[in-house]
PDB file of all heavy atoms in Angstrom:
ATOM      1  N   MET A   1     -30.806-260.734 118.320  1.00  0.00           N
ATOM      2  CA  MET A   1     -30.943-261.804 117.386  1.00  0.00           C
ATOM      3  C   MET A   1     -31.043-261.333 115.882  1.00  0.00           C
ATOM      4  O   MET A   1     -30.364-261.819 115.010  1.00  0.00           O
ATOM      5  CB  MET A   1     -32.211-262.586 117.657  1.00  0.00           C
ATOM      6  CG  MET A   1     -32.087-263.475 118.922  1.00  0.00           C
ATOM      7  SD  MET A   1     -33.513-264.683 119.165  1.00  0.00           S
ATOM      8  CE  MET A   1     -34.829-263.541 119.621  1.00  0.00           C
ATOM      9  N   LEU A   2     -31.744-260.186 115.637  1.00  0.00           N
ATOM     10  CA  LEU A   2     -31.855-259.537 114.286  1.00  0.00           C
ATOM     11  C   LEU A   2     -30.510-259.053 113.879  1.00  0.00           C
ATOM     12  O   LEU A   2     -30.153-259.308 112.784  1.00  0.00           O
ATOM     13  CB  LEU A   2     -32.875-258.468 114.425  1.00  0.00           C
ATOM     14  CG  LEU A   2     -33.143-257.774 113.052  1.00  0.00           C
ATOM     15  CD1 LEU A   2     -33.705-258.687 112.110  1.00  0.00           C
ATOM     16  CD2 LEU A   2     -34.084-256.547 113.164  1.00  0.00           C
ATOM     17  N   SER A   3     -29.740-258.493 114.738  1.00  0.00           N
ATOM     18  CA  SER A   3     -28.420-257.898 114.373  1.00  0.00           C
ATOM     19  C   SER A   3     -27.462-259.067 114.001  1.00  0.00           C
ATOM     20  O   SER A   3     -26.717-259.043 112.942  1.00  0.00           O
ATOM     21  CB  SER A   3     -27.763-257.157 115.510  1.00  0.00           C
ATOM     22  OG  SER A   3     -28.516-256.085 115.992  1.00  0.00           O
ATOM     23  N   ALA A   4     -27.517-260.202 114.671  1.00  0.00           N
ATOM     24  CA  ALA A   4     -26.646-261.300 114.391  1.00  0.00           C
ATOM     25  C   ALA A   4     -27.103-261.976 113.139  1.00  0.00           C
ATOM     26  O   ALA A   4     -26.209-262.323 112.302  1.00  0.00           O
ATOM     27  CB  ALA A   4     -26.734-262.328 115.481  1.00  0.00           C
ATOM     28  N   LEU A   5     -28.435-262.166 112.935  1.00  0.00           N
ATOM     29  CA  LEU A   5     -28.809-262.719 111.599  1.00  0.00           C
ATOM     30  C   LEU A   5     -28.572-261.895 110.473  1.00  0.00           C
ATOM     31  O   LEU A   5     -28.290-262.337 109.331  1.00  0.00           O
ATOM     32  CB  LEU A   5     -30.380-262.996 111.761  1.00  0.00           C
ATOM     33  CG  LEU A   5     -30.754-264.105 112.722  1.00  0.00           C
ATOM     34  CD1 LEU A   5     -32.372-264.068 112.879  1.00  0.00           C
ATOM     35  CD2 LEU A   5     -30.345-265.364 112.343  1.00  0.00           C
ATOM     36  N   MET A   6     -28.680-260.559 110.520  1.00  0.00           N
ATOM     37  CA  MET A   6     -28.388-259.667 109.392  1.00  0.00           C
ATOM     38  C   MET A   6     -26.933-259.776 109.006  1.00  0.00           C
ATOM     39  O   MET A   6     -26.545-259.784 107.774  1.00  0.00           O
ATOM     40  CB  MET A   6     -28.735-258.216 109.818  1.00  0.00           C
ATOM     41  CG  MET A   6     -30.190-258.025 110.009  1.00  0.00           C
ATOM     42  SD  MET A   6     -31.167-258.259 108.387  1.00  0.00           S
ATOM     43  CE  MET A   6     -30.662-256.897 107.495  1.00  0.00           C
ATOM     44  N   LEU A   7     -26.062-259.808 109.973  1.00  0.00           N
ATOM     45  CA  LEU A   7     -24.607-259.846 109.739  1.00  0.00           C
ATOM     46  C   LEU A   7     -24.203-261.241 109.056  1.00  0.00           C
ATOM     47  O   LEU A   7     -23.454-261.280 108.065  1.00  0.00           O
ATOM     48  CB  LEU A   7     -23.810-259.651 110.966  1.00  0.00           C
ATOM     49  CG  LEU A   7     -22.159-259.639 110.660  1.00  0.00           C
ATOM     50  CD1 LEU A   7     -21.886-258.361 109.972  1.00  0.00           C
ATOM     51  CD2 LEU A   7     -21.448-259.727 112.095  1.00  0.00           C
ATOM     52  N   LYS A   8     -24.902-262.222 109.571  1.00  0.00           N
ATOM     53  CA  LYS A   8     -24.619-263.588 109.102  1.00  0.00           C
ATOM     54  C   LYS A   8     -25.138-263.693 107.487  1.00  0.00           C
ATOM     55  O   LYS A   8     -24.543-264.375 106.764  1.00  0.00           O
ATOM     56  CB  LYS A   8     -25.379-264.662 109.860  1.00  0.00           C
ATOM     57  CG  LYS A   8     -25.071-266.142 109.405  1.00  0.00           C
ATOM     58  CD  LYS A   8     -25.790-267.145 110.230  1.00  0.00           C
ATOM     59  CE  LYS A   8     -25.524-268.506 109.900  1.00  0.00           C
ATOM     60  NZ  LYS A   8     -26.157-269.577 110.637  1.00  0.00           N
ATOM     61  N   ARG A   9     -26.219-263.000 107.206  1.00  0.00           N
ATOM     62  CA  ARG A   9     -26.783-263.037 105.870  1.00  0.00           C
ATOM     63  C   ARG A   9     -25.796-262.256 104.962  1.00  0.00           C
ATOM     64  O   ARG A   9     -25.534-262.764 103.841  1.00  0.00           O
ATOM     65  CB  ARG A   9     -28.051-262.466 105.876  1.00  0.00           C
ATOM     66  CG  ARG A   9     -28.738-262.468 104.596  1.00  0.00           C
ATOM     67  CD  ARG A   9     -30.185-262.013 104.461  1.00  0.00           C
ATOM     68  NE  ARG A   9     -30.824-262.106 103.152  1.00  0.00           N
ATOM     69  CZ  ARG A   9     -31.986-261.818 102.875  1.00  0.00           C
ATOM     70  NH1 ARG A   9     -32.913-261.409 103.819  1.00  0.00           N
ATOM     71  NH2 ARG A   9     -32.483-261.692 101.567  1.00  0.00           N
ATOM     72  N   TYR A  10     -25.404-261.147 105.219  1.00  0.00           N
ATOM     73  CA  TYR A  10     -24.674-260.156 104.349  1.00  0.00           C
ATOM     74  C   TYR A  10     -23.233-260.325 104.517  1.00  0.00           C
ATOM     75  O   TYR A  10     -22.510-260.077 103.546  1.00  0.00           O
ATOM     76  CB  TYR A  10     -25.228-258.772 104.548  1.00  0.00           C
ATOM     77  CG  TYR A  10     -26.498-258.536 104.193  1.00  0.00           C
ATOM     78  CD1 TYR A  10     -27.562-258.367 105.193  1.00  0.00           C
ATOM     79  CD2 TYR A  10     -27.000-258.508 102.895  1.00  0.00           C
ATOM     80  CE1 TYR A  10     -28.940-258.072 104.838  1.00  0.00           C
ATOM     81  CE2 TYR A  10     -28.272-258.269 102.550  1.00  0.00           C
ATOM     82  CZ  TYR A  10     -29.243-258.131 103.643  1.00  0.00           C
ATOM     83  OH  TYR A  10     -30.601-257.986 103.179  1.00  0.00           O
ATOM     84  N   LEU A  11     -22.647-260.603 105.670  1.00  0.00           N
ATOM     85  CA  LEU A  11     -21.214-260.962 105.854  1.00  0.00           C
ATOM     86  C   LEU A  11     -21.114-262.179 106.519  1.00  0.00           C
ATOM     87  O   LEU A  11     -20.645-262.262 107.693  1.00  0.00           O
ATOM     88  CB  LEU A  11     -20.618-259.648 106.559  1.00  0.00           C
ATOM     89  CG  LEU A  11     -20.651-258.448 105.890  1.00  0.00           C
ATOM     90  CD1 LEU A  11     -20.162-257.252 106.895  1.00  0.00           C
ATOM     91  CD2 LEU A  11     -19.732-258.360 104.699  1.00  0.00           C
ATOM     92  N   PRO A  12     -21.321-263.389 105.865  1.00  0.00           N
ATOM     93  CA  PRO A  12     -21.372-264.685 106.560  1.00  0.00           C
ATOM     94  C   PRO A  12     -20.069-265.011 107.185  1.00  0.00           C
ATOM     95  O   PRO A  12     -20.067-265.937 108.156  1.00  0.00           O
ATOM     96  CB  PRO A  12     -21.674-265.554 105.479  1.00  0.00           C
ATOM     97  CG  PRO A  12     -21.340-264.927 104.053  1.00  0.00           C
ATOM     98  CD  PRO A  12     -21.577-263.419 104.412  1.00  0.00           C
ATOM     99  N   LYS A  13     -18.940-264.404 106.847  1.00  0.00           N
ATOM    100  CA  LYS A  13     -17.674-264.848 107.335  1.00  0.00           C
ATOM    101  C   LYS A  13     -17.294-264.085 108.613  1.00  0.00           C
ATOM    102  O   LYS A  13     -16.294-264.524 109.321  1.00  0.00           O
ATOM    103  CB  LYS A  13     -16.469-264.649 106.331  1.00  0.00           C
ATOM    104  CG  LYS A  13     -16.553-265.606 105.097  1.00  0.00           C
ATOM    105  CD  LYS A  13     -15.426-265.393 104.260  1.00  0.00           C
ATOM    106  CE  LYS A  13     -15.391-266.430 103.058  1.00  0.00           C
ATOM    107  NZ  LYS A  13     -14.226-266.294 102.192  1.00  0.00           N
ATOM    108  N   MET A  14     -18.057-263.127 108.984  1.00  0.00           N
ATOM    109  CA  MET A  14     -17.742-262.335 110.232  1.00  0.00           C
ATOM    110  C   MET A  14     -18.408-263.091 111.444  1.00  0.00           C
ATOM    111  O   MET A  14     -19.370-263.800 111.262  1.00  0.00           O
ATOM    112  CB  MET A  14     -18.406-260.961 110.088  1.00  0.00           C
ATOM    113  CG  MET A  14     -17.786-260.149 109.025  1.00  0.00           C
ATOM    114  SD  MET A  14     -15.994-259.872 109.163  1.00  0.00           S
ATOM    115  CE  MET A  14     -16.161-258.684 110.511  1.00  0.00           C
ATOM    116  N   PRO A  15     -17.992-262.866 112.546  1.00  0.00           N
ATOM    117  CA  PRO A  15     -18.380-263.534 113.834  1.00  0.00           C
ATOM    118  C   PRO A  15     -19.760-262.735 114.308  1.00  0.00           C
ATOM    119  O   PRO A  15     -19.851-261.901 114.997  1.00  0.00           O
ATOM    120  CB  PRO A  15     -17.289-263.189 114.863  1.00  0.00           C
ATOM    121  CG  PRO A  15     -16.574-262.026 114.349  1.00  0.00           C
ATOM    122  CD  PRO A  15     -16.715-262.023 112.852  1.00  0.00           C
ATOM    123  N   HIS A  16     -20.854-263.414 113.682  1.00  0.00           N
ATOM    124  CA  HIS A  16     -22.201-262.830 113.831  1.00  0.00           C
ATOM    125  C   HIS A  16     -22.718-262.757 115.302  1.00  0.00           C
ATOM    126  O   HIS A  16     -23.421-261.924 115.815  1.00  0.00           O
ATOM    127  CB  HIS A  16     -23.122-263.363 112.960  1.00  0.00           C
ATOM    128  CG  HIS A  16     -23.485-264.864 113.115  1.00  0.00           C
ATOM    129  ND1 HIS A  16     -22.502-265.878 112.875  1.00  0.00           N
ATOM    130  CD2 HIS A  16     -24.598-265.448 113.684  1.00  0.00           C
ATOM    131  CE1 HIS A  16     -23.047-267.098 113.270  1.00  0.00           C
ATOM    132  NE2 HIS A  16     -24.184-266.845 113.774  1.00  0.00           N
ATOM    133  N   LEU A  17     -22.438-263.949 116.060  1.00  0.00           N
ATOM    134  CA  LEU A  17     -22.815-263.986 117.402  1.00  0.00           C
ATOM    135  C   LEU A  17     -22.201-262.932 118.273  1.00  0.00           C
ATOM    136  O   LEU A  17     -22.824-262.290 119.113  1.00  0.00           O
ATOM    137  CB  LEU A  17     -22.530-265.380 117.985  1.00  0.00           C
ATOM    138  CG  LEU A  17     -23.291-266.577 117.314  1.00  0.00           C
ATOM    139  CD1 LEU A  17     -22.903-267.864 118.022  1.00  0.00           C
ATOM    140  CD2 LEU A  17     -24.785-266.334 117.309  1.00  0.00           C
ATOM    141  N   LEU A  18     -20.833-262.754 118.055  1.00  0.00           N
ATOM    142  CA  LEU A  18     -20.227-261.603 118.849  1.00  0.00           C
ATOM    143  C   LEU A  18     -20.804-260.226 118.445  1.00  0.00           C
ATOM    144  O   LEU A  18     -21.002-259.462 119.290  1.00  0.00           O
ATOM    145  CB  LEU A  18     -18.731-261.773 118.585  1.00  0.00           C
ATOM    146  CG  LEU A  18     -17.739-260.800 119.301  1.00  0.00           C
ATOM    147  CD1 LEU A  18     -17.903-261.028 120.752  1.00  0.00           C
ATOM    148  CD2 LEU A  18     -16.307-260.893 118.849  1.00  0.00           C
ATOM    149  N   PHE A  19     -21.010-260.134 117.188  1.00  0.00           N
ATOM    150  CA  PHE A  19     -21.669-258.861 116.734  1.00  0.00           C
ATOM    151  C   PHE A  19     -22.862-258.594 117.340  1.00  0.00           C
ATOM    152  O   PHE A  19     -23.307-257.567 117.827  1.00  0.00           O
ATOM    153  CB  PHE A  19     -21.768-258.836 115.246  1.00  0.00           C
ATOM    154  CG  PHE A  19     -22.348-257.571 114.700  1.00  0.00           C
ATOM    155  CD1 PHE A  19     -21.636-256.459 114.618  1.00  0.00           C
ATOM    156  CD2 PHE A  19     -23.654-257.649 114.266  1.00  0.00           C
ATOM    157  CE1 PHE A  19     -22.131-255.262 113.970  1.00  0.00           C
ATOM    158  CE2 PHE A  19     -24.218-256.484 113.630  1.00  0.00           C
ATOM    159  CZ  PHE A  19     -23.463-255.341 113.607  1.00  0.00           C
ATOM    160  N   GLY A  20     -23.716-259.581 117.467  1.00  0.00           N
ATOM    161  CA  GLY A  20     -25.108-259.565 118.053  1.00  0.00           C
ATOM    162  C   GLY A  20     -25.060-259.103 119.592  1.00  0.00           C
ATOM    163  O   GLY A  20     -25.766-258.354 120.024  1.00  0.00           O
ATOM    164  N   MET A  21     -24.063-259.764 120.356  1.00  0.00           N
ATOM    165  CA  MET A  21     -23.869-259.322 121.726  1.00  0.00           C
ATOM    166  C   MET A  21     -23.405-257.859 121.912  1.00  0.00           C
ATOM    167  O   MET A  21     -23.962-257.177 122.762  1.00  0.00           O
ATOM    168  CB  MET A  21     -22.762-260.269 122.324  1.00  0.00           C
ATOM    169  CG  MET A  21     -23.159-261.673 122.515  1.00  0.00           C
ATOM    170  SD  MET A  21     -21.822-262.640 123.429  1.00  0.00           S
ATOM    171  CE  MET A  21     -22.643-264.144 123.674  1.00  0.00           C
ATOM    172  N   VAL A  22     -22.518-257.420 120.924  1.00  0.00           N
ATOM    173  CA  VAL A  22     -22.113-256.059 120.961  1.00  0.00           C
ATOM    174  C   VAL A  22     -23.370-255.068 120.718  1.00  0.00           C
ATOM    175  O   VAL A  22     -23.542-254.107 121.454  1.00  0.00           O
ATOM    176  CB  VAL A  22     -21.014-255.735 120.033  1.00  0.00           C
ATOM    177  CG1 VAL A  22     -20.668-254.227 119.920  1.00  0.00           C
ATOM    178  CG2 VAL A  22     -19.703-256.601 120.327  1.00  0.00           C
ATOM    179  N   MET A  23     -24.089-255.354 119.701  1.00  0.00           N
ATOM    180  CA  MET A  23     -25.221-254.558 119.340  1.00  0.00           C
ATOM    181  C   MET A  23     -26.310-254.524 120.449  1.00  0.00           C
ATOM    182  O   MET A  23     -26.817-253.478 120.753  1.00  0.00           O
ATOM    183  CB  MET A  23     -25.844-254.985 118.060  1.00  0.00           C
ATOM    184  CG  MET A  23     -24.908-254.898 116.796  1.00  0.00           C
ATOM    185  SD  MET A  23     -24.349-253.199 116.592  1.00  0.00           S
ATOM    186  CE  MET A  23     -25.905-252.359 116.134  1.00  0.00           C
ATOM    187  N   GLY A  24     -26.552-255.698 121.066  1.00  0.00           N
ATOM    188  CA  GLY A  24     -27.436-255.848 122.205  1.00  0.00           C
ATOM    189  C   GLY A  24     -27.012-255.031 123.444  1.00  0.00           C
ATOM    190  O   GLY A  24     -27.865-254.250 124.018  1.00  0.00           O
ATOM    191  N   SER A  25     -25.593-255.038 123.637  1.00  0.00           N
ATOM    192  CA  SER A  25     -25.127-254.219 124.764  1.00  0.00           C
ATOM    193  C   SER A  25     -25.310-252.723 124.450  1.00  0.00           C
ATOM    194  O   SER A  25     -25.648-251.946 125.358  1.00  0.00           O
ATOM    195  CB  SER A  25     -23.609-254.544 124.985  1.00  0.00           C
ATOM    196  OG  SER A  25     -23.507-255.924 125.218  1.00  0.00           O
ATOM    197  N   LEU A  26     -25.054-252.242 123.291  1.00  0.00           N
ATOM    198  CA  LEU A  26     -25.076-250.846 122.867  1.00  0.00           C
ATOM    199  C   LEU A  26     -26.582-250.406 122.997  1.00  0.00           C
ATOM    200  O   LEU A  26     -26.837-249.210 123.385  1.00  0.00           O
ATOM    201  CB  LEU A  26     -24.487-250.647 121.474  1.00  0.00           C
ATOM    202  CG  LEU A  26     -22.978-250.814 121.304  1.00  0.00           C
ATOM    203  CD1 LEU A  26     -22.656-250.718 119.873  1.00  0.00           C
ATOM    204  CD2 LEU A  26     -22.311-249.936 122.154  1.00  0.00           C
ATOM    205  N   ALA A  27     -27.477-251.218 122.536  1.00  0.00           N
ATOM    206  CA  ALA A  27     -28.777-250.836 122.582  1.00  0.00           C
ATOM    207  C   ALA A  27     -29.299-250.731 123.993  1.00  0.00           C
ATOM    208  O   ALA A  27     -30.137-249.830 124.366  1.00  0.00           O
ATOM    209  CB  ALA A  27     -29.653-251.963 121.895  1.00  0.00           C
ATOM    210  N   SER A  28     -28.741-251.618 124.896  1.00  0.00           N
ATOM    211  CA  SER A  28     -29.189-251.488 126.329  1.00  0.00           C
ATOM    212  C   SER A  28     -28.671-250.255 126.895  1.00  0.00           C
ATOM    213  O   SER A  28     -29.475-249.631 127.654  1.00  0.00           O
ATOM    214  CB  SER A  28     -28.692-252.707 127.004  1.00  0.00           C
ATOM    215  OG  SER A  28     -28.871-252.666 128.466  1.00  0.00           O
ATOM    216  N   ILE A  29     -27.491-249.872 126.607  1.00  0.00           N
ATOM    217  CA  ILE A  29     -26.867-248.641 127.153  1.00  0.00           C
ATOM    218  C   ILE A  29     -27.745-247.445 126.653  1.00  0.00           C
ATOM    219  O   ILE A  29     -28.062-246.487 127.340  1.00  0.00           O
ATOM    220  CB  ILE A  29     -25.484-248.509 126.656  1.00  0.00           C
ATOM    221  CG1 ILE A  29     -24.614-249.585 127.404  1.00  0.00           C
ATOM    222  CG2 ILE A  29     -24.901-247.097 127.092  1.00  0.00           C
ATOM    223  CD1 ILE A  29     -23.210-249.671 126.843  1.00  0.00           C
ATOM    224  N   ALA A  30     -28.094-247.452 125.303  1.00  0.00           N
ATOM    225  CA  ALA A  30     -28.893-246.370 124.714  1.00  0.00           C
ATOM    226  C   ALA A  30     -30.195-246.132 125.362  1.00  0.00           C
ATOM    227  O   ALA A  30     -30.694-244.981 125.424  1.00  0.00           O
ATOM    228  CB  ALA A  30     -29.024-246.672 123.227  1.00  0.00           C
ATOM    229  N   ILE A  31     -30.903-247.237 125.790  1.00  0.00           N
ATOM    230  CA  ILE A  31     -32.282-247.075 126.398  1.00  0.00           C
ATOM    231  C   ILE A  31     -32.258-246.844 128.013  1.00  0.00           C
ATOM    232  O   ILE A  31     -33.258-246.886 128.568  1.00  0.00           O
ATOM    233  CB  ILE A  31     -33.181-248.153 125.999  1.00  0.00           C
ATOM    234  CG1 ILE A  31     -32.800-249.603 126.629  1.00  0.00           C
ATOM    235  CG2 ILE A  31     -33.278-248.273 124.484  1.00  0.00           C
ATOM    236  CD1 ILE A  31     -33.738-250.606 126.410  1.00  0.00           C
ATOM    237  N   GLY A  32     -30.972-246.972 128.532  1.00  0.00           N
ATOM    238  CA  GLY A  32     -30.788-247.023 129.901  1.00  0.00           C
ATOM    239  C   GLY A  32     -31.566-248.317 130.450  1.00  0.00           C
ATOM    240  O   GLY A  32     -32.428-248.208 131.330  1.00  0.00           O
ATOM    241  N   GLY A  33     -30.915-249.393 130.137  1.00  0.00           N
ATOM    242  CA  GLY A  33     -31.571-250.803 130.427  1.00  0.00           C
ATOM    243  C   GLY A  33     -31.770-251.019 131.911  1.00  0.00           C
ATOM    244  O   GLY A  33     -32.872-251.511 132.199  1.00  0.00           O
ATOM    245  N   ALA A  34     -30.918-250.687 132.836  1.00  0.00           N
ATOM    246  CA  ALA A  34     -31.100-251.068 134.205  1.00  0.00           C
ATOM    247  C   ALA A  34     -32.325-250.348 134.704  1.00  0.00           C
ATOM    248  O   ALA A  34     -32.941-250.937 135.647  1.00  0.00           O
ATOM    249  CB  ALA A  34     -29.899-250.437 134.961  1.00  0.00           C
ATOM    250  N   ALA A  35     -32.758-249.154 134.262  1.00  0.00           N
ATOM    251  CA  ALA A  35     -33.888-248.546 134.721  1.00  0.00           C
ATOM    252  C   ALA A  35     -35.168-249.111 134.257  1.00  0.00           C
ATOM    253  O   ALA A  35     -36.155-248.919 134.747  1.00  0.00           O
ATOM    254  CB  ALA A  35     -33.855-246.933 134.255  1.00  0.00           C
ATOM    255  N   HIS A  36     -35.061-249.974 133.234  1.00  0.00           N
ATOM    256  CA  HIS A  36     -36.255-250.641 132.735  1.00  0.00           C
ATOM    257  C   HIS A  36     -36.250-252.203 133.049  1.00  0.00           C
ATOM    258  O   HIS A  36     -36.980-252.994 132.414  1.00  0.00           O
ATOM    259  CB  HIS A  36     -36.406-250.512 131.314  1.00  0.00           C
ATOM    260  CG  HIS A  36     -36.394-249.050 130.805  1.00  0.00           C
ATOM    261  ND1 HIS A  36     -37.641-248.307 130.999  1.00  0.00           N
ATOM    262  CD2 HIS A  36     -35.512-248.249 130.208  1.00  0.00           C
ATOM    263  CE1 HIS A  36     -37.531-247.053 130.561  1.00  0.00           C
ATOM    264  NE2 HIS A  36     -36.240-247.024 130.068  1.00  0.00           N
ATOM    265  N   GLY A  37     -35.500-252.591 133.989  1.00  0.00           N
ATOM    266  CA  GLY A  37     -35.597-253.967 134.578  1.00  0.00           C
ATOM    267  C   GLY A  37     -34.539-254.943 133.885  1.00  0.00           C
ATOM    268  O   GLY A  37     -34.527-256.113 134.172  1.00  0.00           O
ATOM    269  N   LEU A  38     -33.579-254.382 133.029  1.00  0.00           N
ATOM    270  CA  LEU A  38     -32.658-255.337 132.412  1.00  0.00           C
ATOM    271  C   LEU A  38     -31.564-255.659 133.473  1.00  0.00           C
ATOM    272  O   LEU A  38     -31.195-254.758 134.191  1.00  0.00           O
ATOM    273  CB  LEU A  38     -31.940-254.629 131.194  1.00  0.00           C
ATOM    274  CG  LEU A  38     -32.783-254.987 129.843  1.00  0.00           C
ATOM    275  CD1 LEU A  38     -33.980-254.100 129.800  1.00  0.00           C
ATOM    276  CD2 LEU A  38     -31.878-254.740 128.705  1.00  0.00           C
ATOM    277  N   THR A  39     -31.199-256.892 133.383  1.00  0.00           N
ATOM    278  CA  THR A  39     -30.039-257.341 134.262  1.00  0.00           C
ATOM    279  C   THR A  39     -28.807-257.643 133.384  1.00  0.00           C
ATOM    280  O   THR A  39     -29.045-257.833 132.115  1.00  0.00           O
ATOM    281  CB  THR A  39     -30.380-258.678 135.074  1.00  0.00           C
ATOM    282  OG1 THR A  39     -30.833-259.561 134.289  1.00  0.00           O
ATOM    283  CG2 THR A  39     -31.487-258.266 136.020  1.00  0.00           C
TER     284      THR A  39
END
């Protein structure tokens, strides 16, 4: 949510929801999400 909101604020014409999904996916990979209960 924070990633999407930041992009919407500073680059309002960019697809912020898509950006938020990408950032959430990268963050999950970085922390090994499956090992911590993420589905």
